Amino acid sequence: MYLEELAWFILDEFDVLVSQSTISRALTRQGWSYKTARFVSNSRNYDARNQYLEQISAFASWQLVFVDESGVDTRNGRRKYGWSFLGVSPHAYSRLGRSERFPILPAYTQDGVIATATYKGSTDNARYEYWLEHSLLPRCNRYPRRHSVVVMDNAGFHHSERMKAIFERAGVKLIYLPTYSPDCNERASASKDPNTKEGENLSRGFP
């Protein structure tokens, strides 16, 4: 909501005429700031989110392993902001067009990353299941031991019969995130935009 809209709202609701500058100062004093809005899918099922939070709270933090695919290409390193004279837009020169993408599969725990995979191309069902069976699950333990509950997103290909079978053989519990809820995945919060300070620090050490 813009300051002008807030001023009209206050006038309509309380019959008090307040200037936009007064509203701005009041919000600032209360710790509010004007920033870019983050859009959230209106397809979220909040009952499912609450059910997931109740389910996940039954496990100890040291049992949990969070998995999700990420990826990088040449666009990830592009700076969104730059310095220039007033009235002049900053320019950055870059090769335009599509570039090769490198998916990253990490498995995060409270102890750190316990399994990763990086490759060229895209992630399909067979490649994902192979990584789980031969890389991640051998580093997990049978439930209820440490690293024995894997949390992943609710993508359709994550519900295959083979997926269920390899987890059952390993004795590891599999928990799915509610749909349209990447914010519930601790792995997602660890993946920072490389153009931010957090991402800059995170990306150091990578070629």
Protein backbone atom coordinates (compact mmCIF):
# COMPACT_ATOMS: atom_id res chain seq x y z
CA MET A 1 0.00 0.00 0.00
CA TYR A 2 1.37 3.41 -0.99
CA LEU A 3 1.58 6.32 1.46
CA GLU A 4 -1.15 8.14 -0.44
CA GLU A 5 -3.42 5.10 -0.05
CA LEU A 6 -2.62 4.95 3.67
CA ALA A 7 -3.52 8.62 4.01
CA TRP A 8 -6.89 8.03 2.32
CA PHE A 9 -7.48 4.95 4.49
CA ILE A 10 -6.87 6.94 7.69
CA LEU A 11 -9.16 9.70 6.45
CA ASP A 12 -11.94 7.22 5.58
CA GLU A 13 -11.66 5.18 8.78
CA PHE A 14 -10.87 7.84 11.37
CA ASP A 15 -11.84 11.12 9.69
CA VAL A 16 -8.32 12.44 10.32
CA LEU A 17 -6.29 14.12 7.57
CA VAL A 18 -2.63 13.08 7.87
CA SER A 19 0.14 14.01 5.45
CA GLN A 20 2.19 11.36 3.68
CA SER A 21 5.39 12.66 5.30
CA THR A 22 3.86 12.23 8.77
CA ILE A 23 2.87 8.66 7.95
CA SER A 24 6.37 7.96 6.62
CA ARG A 25 8.03 9.26 9.78
CA ALA A 26 5.65 7.30 12.00
CA LEU A 27 6.35 4.06 10.13
CA THR A 28 10.11 4.67 10.30
CA ARG A 29 9.96 5.24 14.06
CA GLN A 30 8.17 1.90 14.43
CA GLY A 31 10.90 0.09 12.51
CA TRP A 32 9.11 -0.20 9.16
CA SER A 33 10.85 0.46 5.84
CA TYR A 34 9.77 0.61 2.21
CA LYS A 35 11.20 -2.33 0.29
CA THR A 36 10.56 -4.63 -2.65
CA ALA A 37 7.50 -6.84 -2.11
CA ARG A 38 7.91 -10.61 -2.25
CA PHE A 39 5.07 -12.24 -4.15
CA VAL A 40 3.59 -15.39 -2.62
CA SER A 41 1.55 -17.91 -4.59
CA ASN A 42 -2.16 -17.70 -3.84
CA SER A 43 -2.27 -21.47 -4.44
CA ARG A 44 -0.72 -22.14 -1.06
CA ASN A 45 -2.73 -24.48 1.14
CA TYR A 46 -2.33 -23.08 4.64
CA ASP A 47 -3.97 -26.12 6.24
CA ALA A 48 -1.31 -28.28 4.58
CA ARG A 49 1.42 -25.91 5.77
CA ASN A 50 0.17 -26.10 9.35
CA GLN A 51 -0.05 -29.88 9.10
CA TYR A 52 3.54 -30.02 7.82
CA LEU A 53 4.81 -27.80 10.65
CA GLU A 54 3.06 -30.02 13.18
CA GLN A 55 4.55 -33.12 11.54
CA ILE A 56 8.10 -31.77 11.35
CA SER A 57 8.01 -30.56 14.96
CA ALA A 58 7.82 -34.20 16.08
CA PHE A 59 11.45 -34.72 15.00
CA ALA A 60 14.65 -33.48 16.61
CA SER A 61 16.68 -30.99 14.57
CA TRP A 62 19.62 -33.42 14.40
CA GLN A 63 17.42 -35.98 12.62
CA LEU A 64 16.50 -33.67 9.74
CA VAL A 65 18.10 -33.55 6.28
CA PHE A 66 16.80 -30.91 3.84
CA VAL A 67 17.17 -31.51 0.09
CA ASP A 68 16.29 -29.31 -2.87
CA GLU A 69 17.67 -28.63 -6.33
CA SER A 70 19.27 -25.31 -7.11
CA GLY A 71 21.30 -24.23 -10.11
CA VAL A 72 23.57 -21.62 -11.62
CA ASP A 73 24.34 -20.21 -15.05
CA THR A 74 26.24 -17.19 -16.31
CA ARG A 75 23.39 -14.86 -15.32
CA ASN A 76 23.88 -15.56 -11.61
CA GLY A 77 26.97 -13.39 -11.41
CA ARG A 78 25.41 -10.34 -13.00
CA ARG A 79 25.33 -7.26 -10.78
CA LYS A 80 21.90 -5.66 -10.57
CA TYR A 81 23.16 -2.28 -9.39
CA GLY A 82 26.01 0.03 -10.38
CA TRP A 83 27.34 3.58 -10.03
CA SER A 84 26.87 6.25 -12.69
CA PHE A 85 26.38 10.00 -13.02
CA LEU A 86 22.96 11.38 -12.14
CA GLY A 87 20.56 10.94 -15.04
CA VAL A 88 22.73 8.26 -16.67
CA SER A 89 21.86 4.57 -16.43
CA PRO A 90 24.78 2.27 -15.62
CA HIS A 91 25.61 -0.31 -18.29
CA ALA A 92 27.23 -3.71 -17.96
CA TYR A 93 28.36 -5.68 -21.00
CA SER A 94 27.55 -9.35 -21.13
CA ARG A 95 26.98 -12.06 -23.69
CA LEU A 96 23.20 -12.29 -24.07
CA GLY A 97 21.18 -15.40 -24.77
CA ARG A 98 20.82 -18.73 -23.04
CA SER A 99 23.78 -20.31 -21.31
CA GLU A 100 24.56 -23.73 -19.94
CA ARG A 101 22.95 -24.47 -16.60
CA PHE A 102 24.60 -26.42 -13.83
CA PRO A 103 22.15 -27.94 -11.32
CA ILE A 104 23.30 -28.32 -7.72
CA LEU A 105 21.88 -30.95 -5.39
CA PRO A 106 22.80 -30.30 -1.76
CA ALA A 107 21.66 -32.06 1.42
CA TYR A 108 21.73 -29.77 4.45
CA THR A 109 21.72 -30.72 8.13
CA GLN A 110 22.38 -28.74 11.28
CA ASP A 111 25.92 -30.13 11.07
CA GLY A 112 26.43 -28.81 7.54
CA VAL A 113 26.24 -30.29 4.04
CA ILE A 114 26.49 -34.08 4.01
CA ALA A 115 26.06 -34.78 0.28
CA THR A 116 26.23 -32.78 -2.95
CA ALA A 117 26.13 -33.23 -6.70
CA THR A 118 26.87 -30.77 -9.50
CA TYR A 119 26.54 -31.54 -13.19
CA LYS A 120 25.70 -30.05 -16.57
CA GLY A 121 22.18 -30.29 -17.95
CA SER A 122 18.94 -30.80 -16.09
CA THR A 123 17.70 -32.98 -13.26
CA ASP A 124 15.41 -35.80 -14.29
CA ASN A 125 13.81 -38.54 -12.22
CA ALA A 126 16.48 -41.17 -12.90
CA ARG A 127 19.39 -38.86 -12.08
CA TYR A 128 17.72 -37.61 -8.90
CA GLU A 129 16.91 -41.10 -7.64
CA TYR A 130 20.44 -42.29 -8.43
CA TRP A 131 21.91 -39.44 -6.36
CA LEU A 132 19.60 -40.22 -3.47
CA GLU A 133 20.32 -43.95 -3.51
CA HIS A 134 24.08 -43.83 -4.06
CA SER A 135 25.16 -40.54 -2.50
CA LEU A 136 22.72 -39.19 0.08
CA LEU A 137 21.12 -42.23 1.71
CA PRO A 138 24.45 -44.00 2.42
CA ARG A 139 25.31 -40.91 4.50
CA CYS A 140 22.03 -41.08 6.42
CA ASN A 141 21.07 -43.48 9.20
CA ARG A 142 18.08 -45.64 9.93
CA TYR A 143 15.29 -43.88 11.81
CA PRO A 144 15.32 -42.65 14.60
CA ARG A 145 19.07 -42.07 14.53
CA ARG A 146 20.90 -38.91 13.45
CA HIS A 147 20.21 -37.75 9.86
CA SER A 148 17.32 -40.17 9.43
CA VAL A 149 14.49 -37.89 8.18
CA VAL A 150 14.80 -36.43 4.67
CA VAL A 151 12.65 -33.42 3.70
CA MET A 152 12.14 -32.59 0.01
CA ASP A 153 9.73 -30.61 -2.13
CA ASN A 154 6.43 -31.96 -3.37
CA ALA A 155 7.31 -32.31 -7.07
CA GLY A 156 5.35 -34.98 -8.88
CA PHE A 157 8.36 -37.12 -9.81
CA HIS A 158 9.36 -37.30 -6.13
CA HIS A 159 6.39 -39.60 -5.49
CA SER A 160 7.47 -42.58 -7.60
CA GLU A 161 7.23 -46.12 -6.27
CA ARG A 162 10.99 -46.54 -6.70
CA MET A 163 11.55 -43.44 -4.57
CA LYS A 164 9.49 -44.94 -1.76
CA ALA A 165 11.30 -48.26 -2.11
CA ILE A 166 14.83 -46.88 -1.80
CA PHE A 167 13.88 -44.95 1.32
CA GLU A 168 12.23 -48.00 2.86
CA ARG A 169 15.33 -50.11 2.17
CA ALA A 170 17.52 -47.46 3.80
CA GLY A 171 15.20 -47.18 6.80
CA VAL A 172 15.02 -43.39 6.34
CA LYS A 173 11.79 -41.43 6.71
CA LEU A 174 10.71 -39.24 3.77
CA ILE A 175 8.75 -36.05 4.42
CA TYR A 176 7.31 -33.81 1.68
CA LEU A 177 6.96 -30.06 1.88
CA PRO A 178 3.49 -28.60 1.35
CA THR A 179 2.95 -27.32 -2.19
CA TYR A 180 4.16 -23.81 -3.09
CA SER A 181 6.08 -23.58 0.19
CA PRO A 182 9.84 -23.42 -0.53
CA ASP A 183 10.21 -21.16 2.51
CA CYS A 184 9.58 -24.22 4.71
CA ASN A 185 12.78 -25.80 3.39
CA GLU A 186 15.87 -24.85 5.39
CA ARG A 187 17.98 -25.50 2.30
CA ALA A 188 16.22 -22.69 0.48
CA SER A 189 17.09 -20.20 3.18
CA ALA A 190 20.76 -21.16 2.85
CA SER A 191 20.87 -20.38 -0.88
CA LYS A 192 21.48 -16.66 -1.12
CA ASP A 193 21.40 -14.44 -4.15
CA PRO A 194 25.06 -14.06 -5.21
CA ASN A 195 24.40 -10.37 -5.84
CA THR A 196 23.74 -9.76 -2.13
CA LYS A 197 26.31 -9.54 0.66
CA GLU A 198 25.17 -12.91 1.99
CA GLY A 199 25.49 -14.46 -1.45
CA GLU A 200 28.86 -12.84 -2.01
CA ASN A 201 30.21 -14.44 1.15
CA LEU A 202 28.56 -17.77 0.35
CA SER A 203 29.99 -17.89 -3.17
CA ARG A 204 33.60 -17.35 -2.15
CA GLY A 205 35.61 -20.48 -2.73
CA PHE A 206 33.65 -21.46 -5.84
CA PRO A 207 35.34 -21.11 -9.25
